[in-house]
Amino acid sequence: MTDKSEKRSSACIIEPGMTVLDVVSKYSAAQEVFKRWDDRAGECICCNALFESLDAVAEKYNLDLSALVQDLKKAAGRL
């Protein structure tokens, strides 16, 4: 039997400091999110920014960081 605090600690966490690789490694559904954001970025994010943090990706491609993180969390089942 697990309590709520234990469940929270195992819940998905996606933060701006995580790299693209960190996110797609932990949450395979994130690959589809990045594919959808590729048009806005003008290139494949997973191909060209795999080792960059989400905040660096948002800055590099002039993307809305909070919207990107929210989309990733939704895909991972967090929201």
C-alpha atoms as a PDB file:
ATOM      1  CA  MET A   1       0.000   0.000   0.000  1.00  0.00           C
ATOM      2  CA  THR A   2       1.384   3.395  -0.978  1.00  0.00           C
ATOM      3  CA  ASP A   3       0.517   6.790   0.400  1.00  0.00           C
ATOM      4  CA  LYS A   4      -0.015   9.952  -1.639  1.00  0.00           C
ATOM      5  CA  SER A   5       3.429  11.399  -0.913  1.00  0.00           C
ATOM      6  CA  GLU A   6       5.069   8.242  -2.248  1.00  0.00           C
ATOM      7  CA  LYS A   7       2.985   8.412  -5.427  1.00  0.00           C
ATOM      8  CA  ARG A   8       3.942  12.065  -5.927  1.00  0.00           C
ATOM      9  CA  SER A   9       7.627  11.265  -5.710  1.00  0.00           C
ATOM     10  CA  SER A  10       7.294   8.753  -8.558  1.00  0.00           C
ATOM     11  CA  ALA A  11       5.142  11.084 -10.692  1.00  0.00           C
ATOM     12  CA  CYS A  12       6.572  12.505 -13.871  1.00  0.00           C
ATOM     13  CA  ILE A  13       8.579  15.649 -13.519  1.00  0.00           C
ATOM     14  CA  ILE A  14       9.487  17.764 -16.514  1.00  0.00           C
ATOM     15  CA  GLU A  15      11.411  20.924 -15.809  1.00  0.00           C
ATOM     16  CA  PRO A  16      13.022  23.587 -18.034  1.00  0.00           C
ATOM     17  CA  GLY A  17      16.529  22.515 -17.025  1.00  0.00           C
ATOM     18  CA  MET A  18      16.074  18.991 -18.369  1.00  0.00           C
ATOM     19  CA  THR A  19      17.594  18.146 -21.727  1.00  0.00           C
ATOM     20  CA  VAL A  20      15.528  16.970 -24.665  1.00  0.00           C
ATOM     21  CA  LEU A  21      17.252  13.589 -24.265  1.00  0.00           C
ATOM     22  CA  ASP A  22      16.272  13.413 -20.568  1.00  0.00           C
ATOM     23  CA  VAL A  23      12.632  14.017 -21.453  1.00  0.00           C
ATOM     24  CA  VAL A  24      12.325  11.592 -24.373  1.00  0.00           C
ATOM     25  CA  SER A  25      14.268   8.921 -22.474  1.00  0.00           C
ATOM     26  CA  LYS A  26      11.858   9.034 -19.551  1.00  0.00           C
ATOM     27  CA  TYR A  27       8.639   9.756 -21.455  1.00  0.00           C
ATOM     28  CA  SER A  28       8.419   8.228 -24.942  1.00  0.00           C
ATOM     29  CA  ALA A  29       5.226  10.203 -25.656  1.00  0.00           C
ATOM     30  CA  ALA A  30       7.380  13.351 -25.606  1.00  0.00           C
ATOM     31  CA  GLN A  31       8.767  12.456 -29.035  1.00  0.00           C
ATOM     32  CA  GLU A  32       5.380  13.231 -30.591  1.00  0.00           C
ATOM     33  CA  VAL A  33       5.272  16.575 -28.787  1.00  0.00           C
ATOM     34  CA  PHE A  34       8.671  17.555 -30.135  1.00  0.00           C
ATOM     35  CA  LYS A  35       7.580  16.505 -33.643  1.00  0.00           C
ATOM     36  CA  ARG A  36       4.598  18.865 -33.367  1.00  0.00           C
ATOM     37  CA  TRP A  37       6.906  21.700 -32.254  1.00  0.00           C
ATOM     38  CA  ASP A  38       9.386  21.088 -35.098  1.00  0.00           C
ATOM     39  CA  ASP A  39       7.402  23.314 -37.499  1.00  0.00           C
ATOM     40  CA  ARG A  40       7.649  26.234 -35.089  1.00  0.00           C
ATOM     41  CA  ALA A  41      11.345  25.596 -34.577  1.00  0.00           C
ATOM     42  CA  GLY A  42      12.025  25.275 -38.287  1.00  0.00           C
ATOM     43  CA  GLU A  43      13.952  22.018 -37.870  1.00  0.00           C
ATOM     44  CA  CYS A  44      13.861  18.720 -36.003  1.00  0.00           C
ATOM     45  CA  ILE A  45      14.361  19.512 -32.314  1.00  0.00           C
ATOM     46  CA  CYS A  46      15.307  15.936 -31.400  1.00  0.00           C
ATOM     47  CA  CYS A  47      17.838  15.825 -34.255  1.00  0.00           C
ATOM     48  CA  ASN A  48      19.451  19.212 -33.636  1.00  0.00           C
ATOM     49  CA  ALA A  49      19.013  19.963 -29.938  1.00  0.00           C
ATOM     50  CA  LEU A  50      18.987  16.555 -28.232  1.00  0.00           C
ATOM     51  CA  PHE A  51      21.572  17.541 -25.620  1.00  0.00           C
ATOM     52  CA  GLU A  52      20.207  21.031 -24.949  1.00  0.00           C
ATOM     53  CA  SER A  53      17.947  21.949 -22.048  1.00  0.00           C
ATOM     54  CA  LEU A  54      14.312  22.795 -22.697  1.00  0.00           C
ATOM     55  CA  ASP A  55      14.928  26.417 -21.734  1.00  0.00           C
ATOM     56  CA  ALA A  56      17.867  26.611 -24.157  1.00  0.00           C
ATOM     57  CA  VAL A  57      15.710  25.061 -26.896  1.00  0.00           C
ATOM     58  CA  ALA A  58      12.962  27.598 -26.279  1.00  0.00           C
ATOM     59  CA  GLU A  59      15.473  30.438 -26.458  1.00  0.00           C
ATOM     60  CA  LYS A  60      17.268  29.038 -29.519  1.00  0.00           C
ATOM     61  CA  TYR A  61      14.053  28.622 -31.523  1.00  0.00           C
ATOM     62  CA  ASN A  62      12.074  31.490 -29.985  1.00  0.00           C
ATOM     63  CA  LEU A  63       9.450  29.126 -28.544  1.00  0.00           C
ATOM     64  CA  ASP A  64       7.068  29.588 -25.628  1.00  0.00           C
ATOM     65  CA  LEU A  65       8.854  27.608 -22.890  1.00  0.00           C
ATOM     66  CA  SER A  66       5.848  27.295 -20.578  1.00  0.00           C
ATOM     67  CA  ALA A  67       3.612  26.048 -23.424  1.00  0.00           C
ATOM     68  CA  LEU A  68       6.256  23.515 -24.495  1.00  0.00           C
ATOM     69  CA  VAL A  69       6.681  22.202 -20.943  1.00  0.00           C
ATOM     70  CA  GLN A  70       2.894  22.045 -20.497  1.00  0.00           C
ATOM     71  CA  ASP A  71       2.520  20.034 -23.733  1.00  0.00           C
ATOM     72  CA  LEU A  72       5.255  17.652 -22.600  1.00  0.00           C
ATOM     73  CA  LYS A  73       3.624  17.174 -19.184  1.00  0.00           C
ATOM     74  CA  LYS A  74       0.257  16.494 -20.796  1.00  0.00           C
ATOM     75  CA  ALA A  75       1.825  13.873 -23.051  1.00  0.00           C
ATOM     76  CA  ALA A  76       3.523  12.271 -20.070  1.00  0.00           C
ATOM     77  CA  GLY A  77       0.202  12.132 -18.213  1.00  0.00           C
ATOM     78  CA  ARG A  78       1.045  14.692 -15.549  1.00  0.00           C
ATOM     79  CA  LEU A  79      -1.699  17.270 -16.158  1.00  0.00           C
END
